[in-house]
C-alpha atoms as a PDB file:
ATOM      1  CA  MET A   1      -6.634 232.690  37.661  1.00  0.00           C
ATOM      2  CA  LEU A   2      -4.541 229.606  36.351  1.00  0.00           C
ATOM      3  CA  VAL A   3      -1.124 231.556  36.200  1.00  0.00           C
ATOM      4  CA  MET A   4      -1.966 232.629  39.751  1.00  0.00           C
ATOM      5  CA  ALA A   5      -2.318 229.683  40.801  1.00  0.00           C
ATOM      6  CA  VAL A   6       0.640 227.900  38.977  1.00  0.00           C
ATOM      7  CA  VAL A   7       2.998 230.848  40.342  1.00  0.00           C
ATOM      8  CA  SER A   8       1.438 230.288  44.058  1.00  0.00           C
ATOM      9  CA  ILE A   9       1.946 226.307  44.072  1.00  0.00           C
ATOM     10  CA  SER A  10       5.683 227.083  42.337  1.00  0.00           C
ATOM     11  CA  ALA A  11       6.470 229.504  45.312  1.00  0.00           C
ATOM     12  CA  MET A  12       5.148 227.120  47.916  1.00  0.00           C
ATOM     13  CA  LEU A  13       7.166 224.138  46.407  1.00  0.00           C
ATOM     14  CA  ILE A  14      10.400 226.356  46.015  1.00  0.00           C
ATOM     15  CA  PHE A  15      10.349 228.145  49.321  1.00  0.00           C
ATOM     16  CA  GLY A  16       7.983 226.256  51.558  1.00  0.00           C
ATOM     17  CA  ASP A  17      10.807 223.677  52.872  1.00  0.00           C
ATOM     18  CA  THR A  18      13.529 225.995  52.879  1.00  0.00           C
ATOM     19  CA  PRO A  19      15.716 225.356  55.728  1.00  0.00           C
ATOM     20  CA  VAL A  20      16.483 228.363  57.921  1.00  0.00           C
ATOM     21  CA  THR A  21      19.696 228.135  59.849  1.00  0.00           C
ATOM     22  CA  GLU A  22      21.004 230.643  62.064  1.00  0.00           C
ATOM     23  CA  PRO A  23      24.309 232.058  61.018  1.00  0.00           C
ATOM     24  CA  GLU A  24      27.300 232.158  63.195  1.00  0.00           C
ATOM     25  CA  ARG A  25      27.320 234.690  66.000  1.00  0.00           C
ATOM     26  CA  PRO A  26      29.750 237.192  65.328  1.00  0.00           C
ATOM     27  CA  GLU A  27      31.853 238.044  68.492  1.00  0.00           C
ATOM     28  CA  LYS A  28      30.271 241.446  68.606  1.00  0.00           C
ATOM     29  CA  VAL A  29      26.729 240.124  69.495  1.00  0.00           C
ATOM     30  CA  PRO A  30      25.943 239.439  73.124  1.00  0.00           C
ATOM     31  CA  ASP A  31      24.775 236.033  74.081  1.00  0.00           C
ATOM     32  CA  SER A  32      21.616 237.786  75.282  1.00  0.00           C
ATOM     33  CA  ALA A  33      20.552 238.694  71.596  1.00  0.00           C
ATOM     34  CA  ILE A  34      18.188 236.196  69.849  1.00  0.00           C
ATOM     35  CA  TRP A  35      18.388 235.462  66.079  1.00  0.00           C
ATOM     36  CA  TYR A  36      15.079 236.143  64.111  1.00  0.00           C
ATOM     37  CA  GLY A  37      14.928 235.649  60.348  1.00  0.00           C
ATOM     38  CA  GLY A  38      14.142 233.441  57.637  1.00  0.00           C
ATOM     39  CA  PRO A  39      15.843 232.188  54.248  1.00  0.00           C
ATOM     40  CA  ASP A  40      16.476 235.520  53.182  1.00  0.00           C
ATOM     41  CA  GLY A  41      18.258 236.718  56.206  1.00  0.00           C
ATOM     42  CA  GLY A  42      17.759 237.826  59.712  1.00  0.00           C
ATOM     43  CA  VAL A  43      18.661 239.958  62.489  1.00  0.00           C
ATOM     44  CA  PHE A  44      19.923 239.567  66.189  1.00  0.00           C
ATOM     45  CA  ILE A  45      17.767 241.407  68.603  1.00  0.00           C
ATOM     46  CA  LYS A  46      18.585 242.028  72.197  1.00  0.00           C
ATOM     47  CA  VAL A  47      15.506 242.900  74.444  1.00  0.00           C
ATOM     48  CA  ASP A  48      16.531 244.574  77.660  1.00  0.00           C
ATOM     49  CA  ASP A  49      15.110 242.721  80.622  1.00  0.00           C
ATOM     50  CA  ASN A  50      13.348 245.615  82.068  1.00  0.00           C
ATOM     51  CA  GLN A  51      10.664 247.730  80.527  1.00  0.00           C
ATOM     52  CA  ILE A  52      11.169 251.352  80.126  1.00  0.00           C
ATOM     53  CA  ARG A  53       7.110 251.717  80.995  1.00  0.00           C
ATOM     54  CA  LYS A  54       4.217 249.433  79.878  1.00  0.00           C
ATOM     55  CA  ASN A  55       4.953 248.195  76.513  1.00  0.00           C
ATOM     56  CA  HIS A  56       7.941 250.169  75.872  1.00  0.00           C
ATOM     57  CA  PHE A  57      10.942 247.899  75.300  1.00  0.00           C
ATOM     58  CA  TYR A  58      14.610 249.082  74.857  1.00  0.00           C
ATOM     59  CA  CYS A  59      16.220 246.980  72.001  1.00  0.00           C
ATOM     60  CA  THR A  60      19.561 246.803  70.402  1.00  0.00           C
ATOM     61  CA  LEU A  61      19.515 245.176  67.063  1.00  0.00           C
ATOM     62  CA  TYR A  62      22.606 243.666  65.220  1.00  0.00           C
ATOM     63  CA  PHE A  63      23.353 242.860  61.670  1.00  0.00           C
ATOM     64  CA  ASP A  64      23.491 239.143  61.435  1.00  0.00           C
ATOM     65  CA  TYR A  65      26.920 238.609  59.618  1.00  0.00           C
ATOM     66  CA  THR A  66      29.147 241.552  60.850  1.00  0.00           C
ATOM     67  CA  GLY A  67      27.835 241.794  64.412  1.00  0.00           C
ATOM     68  CA  ASP A  68      27.635 245.762  63.993  1.00  0.00           C
ATOM     69  CA  ILE A  69      24.709 247.670  65.648  1.00  0.00           C
ATOM     70  CA  TRP A  70      21.795 248.248  62.977  1.00  0.00           C
ATOM     71  CA  TYR A  71      19.734 250.286  65.462  1.00  0.00           C
ATOM     72  CA  GLU A  72      19.348 250.790  69.307  1.00  0.00           C
ATOM     73  CA  GLY A  73      16.673 252.401  71.065  1.00  0.00           C
ATOM     74  CA  LEU A  74      13.052 252.397  72.465  1.00  0.00           C
ATOM     75  CA  PHE A  75      10.350 250.614  70.640  1.00  0.00           C
ATOM     76  CA  GLU A  76       6.487 250.678  71.359  1.00  0.00           C
ATOM     77  CA  TYR A  77       4.192 247.915  71.021  1.00  0.00           C
ATOM     78  CA  ASN A  78       1.226 248.899  69.074  1.00  0.00           C
ATOM     79  CA  GLY A  79      -1.373 246.356  70.334  1.00  0.00           C
ATOM     80  CA  ASP A  80      -4.179 246.266  73.141  1.00  0.00           C
ATOM     81  CA  SER A  81      -2.373 243.348  75.181  1.00  0.00           C
ATOM     82  CA  ILE A  82       0.238 244.122  77.868  1.00  0.00           C
ATOM     83  CA  LEU A  83       3.439 242.342  76.933  1.00  0.00           C
ATOM     84  CA  SER A  84       6.111 240.998  79.266  1.00  0.00           C
ATOM     85  CA  VAL A  85       9.691 240.902  77.928  1.00  0.00           C
ATOM     86  CA  GLU A  86       9.610 237.239  78.361  1.00  0.00           C
ATOM     87  CA  THR A  87       6.457 236.873  75.946  1.00  0.00           C
ATOM     88  CA  LEU A  88       8.209 239.473  73.528  1.00  0.00           C
ATOM     89  CA  ARG A  89      11.109 237.485  73.115  1.00  0.00           C
ATOM     90  CA  LYS A  90       8.888 234.553  71.903  1.00  0.00           C
ATOM     91  CA  ILE A  91       6.591 236.240  69.473  1.00  0.00           C
ATOM     92  CA  ILE A  92       9.126 238.525  67.559  1.00  0.00           C
ATOM     93  CA  SER A  93       9.190 237.333  64.043  1.00  0.00           C
ATOM     94  CA  ALA A  94      11.454 239.889  61.854  1.00  0.00           C
ATOM     95  CA  TYR A  95      12.843 243.480  61.559  1.00  0.00           C
ATOM     96  CA  ASP A  96      12.216 245.308  58.427  1.00  0.00           C
ATOM     97  CA  GLY A  97      14.395 248.418  59.203  1.00  0.00           C
ATOM     98  CA  TYR A  98      11.506 250.463  60.881  1.00  0.00           C
ATOM     99  CA  ARG A  99       9.242 248.193  62.921  1.00  0.00           C
ATOM    100  CA  ILE A 100       9.961 244.855  64.837  1.00  0.00           C
ATOM    101  CA  HIS A 101       7.283 242.328  63.702  1.00  0.00           C
ATOM    102  CA  LEU A 102       5.549 239.934  66.065  1.00  0.00           C
ATOM    103  CA  TRP A 103       3.873 237.365  63.958  1.00  0.00           C
ATOM    104  CA  GLU A 104       0.078 237.726  64.334  1.00  0.00           C
ATOM    105  CA  TYR A 105       0.227 240.148  67.228  1.00  0.00           C
ATOM    106  CA  GLY A 106       1.252 243.370  65.700  1.00  0.00           C
ATOM    107  CA  PHE A 107       4.532 245.159  65.838  1.00  0.00           C
ATOM    108  CA  LEU A 108       6.757 247.432  67.761  1.00  0.00           C
ATOM    109  CA  THR A 109       7.690 250.735  66.227  1.00  0.00           C
ATOM    110  CA  LYS A 110      10.467 252.889  66.934  1.00  0.00           C
ATOM    111  CA  VAL A 111      10.033 255.534  69.580  1.00  0.00           C
ATOM    112  CA  LYS A 112      10.830 258.985  68.514  1.00  0.00           C
ATOM    113  CA  GLU A 113      13.118 260.616  71.287  1.00  0.00           C
END
């Protein structure tokens, strides 16, 4: 237990106040894409203004340093609420290569076409 407490406190001291700065926007990334990330990196995400259907969003994800497209396609919200595009843009926290995480609101998953 003592070891776990020391590790937890050390991690908070080391990573708790790590400043997060958005990288310079590559030329390939449109102004409408927003950077989401943390101290270990991030991704630019462009959410199209129009929903395809309820809780389905077309997103383009760009690598944050090269600006190359990482993934482009339809994502579906897994929660019970109905999200607007504006709300979605405010609650995105990260992308893990499979899902777009939405802080405490769940996530978006890729829709298989």
